[in-house]
Amino acid sequence: MAISQVPPLDDYWRKLELHLPPFSHEEQRAAVALYRELAKGEAVDSDQLARALGISSAESHALLQRDSIKGHVYADSQGRVLGFGGLATTPMHHRFEVDGRHYA
């Protein structure tokens, strides 16, 4: 999908918020950024998330430690995010579908 065809953040969030606990606007942005970065197929570290959000690495790390986000994160021993809220870069027993595209 070309960047110009990516739906706006609010469109993503309206669909996701039905399945997630209440998030602040900042947490919503982080959650969507995590989904976008994980959809690339690689683990996401706090530096990568920081770049995606346009914030500092320290702010990104703090976001990942918030209970609302941390409870949905599957991380490796190095603290990189391997999965978030159902989407993972490693094989899992479930599937995630977005616009007809399936992710394992």
N, C-alpha and C. Protein backbone atom coordinates (compact mmCIF):
# COMPACT_ATOMS: atom_id res chain seq x y z
N MET A 1 0.85 -1.17 0.00
CA MET A 1 0.00 0.00 0.00
C MET A 1 0.89 1.24 0.00
N ALA A 2 0.70 2.13 -0.91
CA ALA A 2 1.49 3.35 -0.97
C ALA A 2 1.12 4.27 0.19
N ILE A 3 2.08 5.06 0.62
CA ILE A 3 1.84 5.94 1.76
C ILE A 3 0.65 6.86 1.51
N SER A 4 0.47 7.33 0.29
CA SER A 4 -0.63 8.24 0.01
C SER A 4 -1.98 7.55 0.16
N GLN A 5 -2.01 6.22 0.18
CA GLN A 5 -3.25 5.48 0.31
C GLN A 5 -3.52 5.02 1.74
N VAL A 6 -2.63 5.31 2.67
CA VAL A 6 -2.82 4.90 4.05
C VAL A 6 -3.94 5.74 4.65
N PRO A 7 -4.94 5.07 5.23
CA PRO A 7 -6.05 5.82 5.84
C PRO A 7 -5.54 6.68 6.99
N PRO A 8 -6.22 7.77 7.28
CA PRO A 8 -5.81 8.63 8.38
C PRO A 8 -5.89 7.90 9.72
N LEU A 9 -5.13 8.39 10.69
CA LEU A 9 -5.09 7.81 12.02
C LEU A 9 -6.48 7.62 12.61
N ASP A 10 -7.34 8.60 12.46
CA ASP A 10 -8.68 8.51 13.06
C ASP A 10 -9.48 7.34 12.50
N ASP A 11 -9.32 7.02 11.23
CA ASP A 11 -10.02 5.87 10.64
C ASP A 11 -9.55 4.56 11.26
N TYR A 12 -8.23 4.43 11.42
CA TYR A 12 -7.69 3.25 12.07
C TYR A 12 -8.24 3.14 13.50
N TRP A 13 -8.14 4.25 14.20
CA TRP A 13 -8.48 4.22 15.62
C TRP A 13 -9.95 3.89 15.84
N ARG A 14 -10.87 4.40 15.07
CA ARG A 14 -12.30 4.11 15.26
C ARG A 14 -12.55 2.60 15.23
N LYS A 15 -11.83 1.89 14.38
CA LYS A 15 -12.00 0.44 14.29
C LYS A 15 -11.31 -0.28 15.45
N LEU A 16 -10.17 0.22 15.88
CA LEU A 16 -9.42 -0.43 16.96
C LEU A 16 -10.00 -0.19 18.34
N GLU A 17 -10.54 1.00 18.57
CA GLU A 17 -10.93 1.36 19.93
C GLU A 17 -12.05 0.49 20.50
N LEU A 18 -12.81 -0.17 19.63
CA LEU A 18 -13.86 -1.06 20.10
C LEU A 18 -13.29 -2.27 20.83
N HIS A 19 -12.02 -2.58 20.58
CA HIS A 19 -11.40 -3.79 21.12
C HIS A 19 -10.31 -3.51 22.15
N LEU A 20 -10.08 -2.26 22.48
CA LEU A 20 -9.00 -1.89 23.38
C LEU A 20 -9.53 -1.06 24.55
N PRO A 21 -8.79 -1.06 25.66
CA PRO A 21 -9.18 -0.21 26.79
C PRO A 21 -9.02 1.26 26.39
N PRO A 22 -9.61 2.16 27.15
CA PRO A 22 -9.46 3.59 26.83
C PRO A 22 -8.00 4.01 26.80
N PHE A 23 -7.61 4.65 25.72
CA PHE A 23 -6.25 5.17 25.56
C PHE A 23 -6.35 6.69 25.43
N SER A 24 -5.33 7.39 25.92
CA SER A 24 -5.23 8.83 25.67
C SER A 24 -4.92 9.02 24.18
N HIS A 25 -5.03 10.25 23.70
CA HIS A 25 -4.71 10.51 22.29
C HIS A 25 -3.27 10.12 21.99
N GLU A 26 -2.36 10.42 22.91
CA GLU A 26 -0.95 10.07 22.74
C GLU A 26 -0.77 8.55 22.66
N GLU A 27 -1.50 7.81 23.48
CA GLU A 27 -1.43 6.35 23.47
C GLU A 27 -2.05 5.79 22.19
N GLN A 28 -3.08 6.43 21.70
CA GLN A 28 -3.70 6.02 20.43
C GLN A 28 -2.69 6.13 19.30
N ARG A 29 -1.99 7.26 19.25
CA ARG A 29 -0.97 7.46 18.21
C ARG A 29 0.11 6.39 18.31
N ALA A 30 0.54 6.07 19.53
CA ALA A 30 1.57 5.06 19.72
C ALA A 30 1.07 3.69 19.28
N ALA A 31 -0.16 3.35 19.61
CA ALA A 31 -0.73 2.04 19.24
C ALA A 31 -0.79 1.89 17.73
N VAL A 32 -1.26 2.89 17.04
CA VAL A 32 -1.36 2.82 15.58
C VAL A 32 0.04 2.76 14.97
N ALA A 33 0.97 3.53 15.51
CA ALA A 33 2.35 3.48 15.00
C ALA A 33 2.95 2.09 15.21
N LEU A 34 2.68 1.48 16.36
CA LEU A 34 3.16 0.11 16.59
C LEU A 34 2.60 -0.85 15.55
N TYR A 35 1.30 -0.76 15.28
CA TYR A 35 0.70 -1.62 14.25
C TYR A 35 1.36 -1.40 12.90
N ARG A 36 1.56 -0.16 12.54
CA ARG A 36 2.16 0.14 11.23
C ARG A 36 3.59 -0.40 11.14
N GLU A 37 4.36 -0.20 12.21
CA GLU A 37 5.75 -0.66 12.20
C GLU A 37 5.82 -2.19 12.23
N LEU A 38 4.99 -2.84 13.04
CA LEU A 38 4.99 -4.30 13.10
C LEU A 38 4.54 -4.91 11.77
N ALA A 39 3.65 -4.23 11.07
CA ALA A 39 3.17 -4.74 9.77
C ALA A 39 4.29 -4.84 8.75
N LYS A 40 5.41 -4.18 9.01
CA LYS A 40 6.58 -4.28 8.13
C LYS A 40 7.30 -5.60 8.32
N GLY A 41 6.94 -6.35 9.40
CA GLY A 41 7.48 -7.69 9.59
C GLY A 41 8.70 -7.81 10.47
N GLU A 42 9.10 -6.74 11.13
CA GLU A 42 10.29 -6.77 11.98
C GLU A 42 9.93 -6.29 13.38
N ALA A 43 10.74 -6.72 14.36
CA ALA A 43 10.57 -6.24 15.73
C ALA A 43 10.75 -4.72 15.77
N VAL A 44 10.08 -4.08 16.72
CA VAL A 44 10.11 -2.62 16.84
C VAL A 44 10.75 -2.25 18.18
N ASP A 45 11.82 -1.45 18.12
CA ASP A 45 12.41 -0.98 19.37
C ASP A 45 11.93 0.45 19.65
N SER A 46 12.25 0.96 20.83
CA SER A 46 11.74 2.28 21.21
C SER A 46 12.29 3.38 20.31
N ASP A 47 13.50 3.21 19.76
CA ASP A 47 14.05 4.21 18.84
C ASP A 47 13.23 4.26 17.55
N GLN A 48 12.88 3.11 17.03
CA GLN A 48 12.08 3.05 15.80
C GLN A 48 10.70 3.65 16.04
N LEU A 49 10.09 3.33 17.18
CA LEU A 49 8.79 3.91 17.50
C LEU A 49 8.91 5.42 17.66
N ALA A 50 9.99 5.88 18.27
CA ALA A 50 10.21 7.32 18.43
C ALA A 50 10.27 8.01 17.07
N ARG A 51 10.99 7.42 16.12
CA ARG A 51 11.08 8.02 14.78
C ARG A 51 9.70 8.05 14.12
N ALA A 52 8.94 6.97 14.27
CA ALA A 52 7.61 6.91 13.65
C ALA A 52 6.67 7.96 14.23
N LEU A 53 6.86 8.27 15.51
CA LEU A 53 5.98 9.24 16.18
C LEU A 53 6.54 10.66 16.17
N GLY A 54 7.82 10.81 15.82
CA GLY A 54 8.43 12.14 15.84
C GLY A 54 8.65 12.64 17.27
N ILE A 55 9.02 11.71 18.19
CA ILE A 55 9.27 12.07 19.58
C ILE A 55 10.65 11.54 19.96
N SER A 56 11.09 11.85 21.18
CA SER A 56 12.39 11.37 21.64
C SER A 56 12.31 9.89 22.00
N SER A 57 13.46 9.25 22.04
CA SER A 57 13.53 7.84 22.44
C SER A 57 13.06 7.66 23.88
N ALA A 58 13.38 8.63 24.74
CA ALA A 58 12.96 8.55 26.14
C ALA A 58 11.43 8.60 26.24
N GLU A 59 10.79 9.48 25.45
CA GLU A 59 9.32 9.56 25.44
C GLU A 59 8.72 8.26 24.92
N SER A 60 9.33 7.72 23.88
CA SER A 60 8.85 6.47 23.30
C SER A 60 8.96 5.33 24.31
N HIS A 61 10.10 5.24 24.98
CA HIS A 61 10.29 4.21 25.99
C HIS A 61 9.24 4.35 27.10
N ALA A 62 8.97 5.57 27.53
CA ALA A 62 7.97 5.82 28.57
C ALA A 62 6.58 5.39 28.10
N LEU A 63 6.26 5.66 26.84
CA LEU A 63 4.96 5.23 26.30
C LEU A 63 4.82 3.72 26.35
N LEU A 64 5.89 3.01 25.99
CA LEU A 64 5.85 1.55 25.99
C LEU A 64 5.71 0.97 27.40
N GLN A 65 6.04 1.76 28.42
CA GLN A 65 5.93 1.31 29.80
C GLN A 65 4.57 1.61 30.42
N ARG A 66 3.73 2.37 29.74
CA ARG A 66 2.41 2.66 30.29
C ARG A 66 1.57 1.39 30.34
N ASP A 67 0.83 1.23 31.42
CA ASP A 67 0.02 0.02 31.61
C ASP A 67 -0.93 -0.23 30.45
N SER A 68 -1.52 0.82 29.91
CA SER A 68 -2.49 0.65 28.82
C SER A 68 -1.86 0.04 27.57
N ILE A 69 -0.59 0.32 27.34
CA ILE A 69 0.11 -0.22 26.18
C ILE A 69 0.88 -1.49 26.55
N LYS A 70 1.58 -1.45 27.66
CA LYS A 70 2.43 -2.56 28.08
C LYS A 70 1.65 -3.87 28.17
N GLY A 71 0.40 -3.81 28.59
CA GLY A 71 -0.41 -5.01 28.73
C GLY A 71 -0.74 -5.68 27.42
N HIS A 72 -0.51 -5.01 26.30
CA HIS A 72 -0.80 -5.56 24.97
C HIS A 72 0.46 -5.85 24.17
N VAL A 73 1.62 -5.64 24.81
CA VAL A 73 2.91 -5.81 24.13
C VAL A 73 3.48 -7.20 24.42
N TYR A 74 3.97 -7.84 23.37
CA TYR A 74 4.74 -9.08 23.47
C TYR A 74 6.16 -8.70 23.07
N ALA A 75 7.08 -8.72 24.05
CA ALA A 75 8.45 -8.25 23.79
C ALA A 75 9.45 -9.39 23.89
N ASP A 76 10.60 -9.18 23.26
CA ASP A 76 11.68 -10.15 23.38
C ASP A 76 12.58 -9.77 24.56
N SER A 77 13.63 -10.52 24.78
CA SER A 77 14.52 -10.30 25.93
C SER A 77 15.27 -8.97 25.84
N GLN A 78 15.34 -8.38 24.65
CA GLN A 78 16.00 -7.09 24.47
C GLN A 78 15.04 -5.92 24.60
N GLY A 79 13.76 -6.22 24.85
CA GLY A 79 12.76 -5.16 25.01
C GLY A 79 12.13 -4.70 23.71
N ARG A 80 12.50 -5.34 22.60
CA ARG A 80 11.89 -4.97 21.32
C ARG A 80 10.47 -5.55 21.27
N VAL A 81 9.56 -4.82 20.67
CA VAL A 81 8.18 -5.26 20.54
C VAL A 81 8.10 -6.26 19.38
N LEU A 82 7.70 -7.48 19.69
CA LEU A 82 7.49 -8.52 18.68
C LEU A 82 6.03 -8.60 18.29
N GLY A 83 5.16 -8.16 19.19
CA GLY A 83 3.73 -8.20 18.93
C GLY A 83 3.01 -7.18 19.77
N PHE A 84 1.87 -6.72 19.26
CA PHE A 84 1.06 -5.75 19.99
C PHE A 84 -0.40 -5.95 19.60
N GLY A 85 -1.23 -6.16 20.59
CA GLY A 85 -2.68 -6.21 20.38
C GLY A 85 -3.13 -7.15 19.28
N GLY A 86 -2.46 -8.28 19.12
CA GLY A 86 -2.89 -9.28 18.14
C GLY A 86 -2.03 -9.36 16.90
N LEU A 87 -1.21 -8.38 16.62
CA LEU A 87 -0.33 -8.41 15.45
C LEU A 87 1.09 -8.70 15.92
N ALA A 88 1.70 -9.74 15.37
CA ALA A 88 3.04 -10.14 15.80
C ALA A 88 3.95 -10.42 14.61
N THR A 89 5.24 -10.26 14.84
CA THR A 89 6.23 -10.55 13.80
C THR A 89 6.68 -11.99 13.85
N THR A 90 6.31 -12.70 14.91
CA THR A 90 6.64 -14.11 15.05
C THR A 90 5.37 -14.94 14.87
N PRO A 91 5.50 -16.18 14.44
CA PRO A 91 4.30 -17.00 14.25
C PRO A 91 3.50 -17.14 15.55
N MET A 92 2.21 -16.98 15.44
CA MET A 92 1.30 -17.10 16.58
C MET A 92 0.16 -18.03 16.19
N HIS A 93 -0.66 -18.40 17.15
CA HIS A 93 -1.77 -19.29 16.87
C HIS A 93 -2.99 -18.56 16.33
N HIS A 94 -2.96 -17.26 16.27
CA HIS A 94 -4.10 -16.48 15.77
C HIS A 94 -3.72 -15.73 14.50
N ARG A 95 -4.71 -15.14 13.86
CA ARG A 95 -4.47 -14.35 12.65
C ARG A 95 -5.06 -12.97 12.84
N PHE A 96 -4.51 -11.99 12.12
CA PHE A 96 -4.93 -10.60 12.18
C PHE A 96 -5.27 -10.19 10.75
N GLU A 97 -6.43 -9.61 10.54
CA GLU A 97 -6.84 -9.24 9.19
C GLU A 97 -7.11 -7.74 9.11
N VAL A 98 -6.53 -7.10 8.09
CA VAL A 98 -6.75 -5.69 7.82
C VAL A 98 -7.01 -5.54 6.34
N ASP A 99 -8.18 -5.02 5.98
CA ASP A 99 -8.54 -4.81 4.58
C ASP A 99 -8.30 -6.05 3.73
N GLY A 100 -8.66 -7.20 4.27
CA GLY A 100 -8.55 -8.44 3.52
C GLY A 100 -7.15 -9.05 3.49
N ARG A 101 -6.17 -8.37 4.08
CA ARG A 101 -4.81 -8.91 4.16
C ARG A 101 -4.67 -9.63 5.49
N HIS A 102 -4.11 -10.84 5.48
CA HIS A 102 -3.97 -11.63 6.70
C HIS A 102 -2.53 -11.61 7.20
N TYR A 103 -2.40 -11.51 8.52
CA TYR A 103 -1.11 -11.55 9.19
C TYR A 103 -1.19 -12.63 10.25
N ALA A 104 -0.13 -13.43 10.37
CA ALA A 104 -0.11 -14.48 11.40
C ALA A 104 0.61 -13.99 12.62
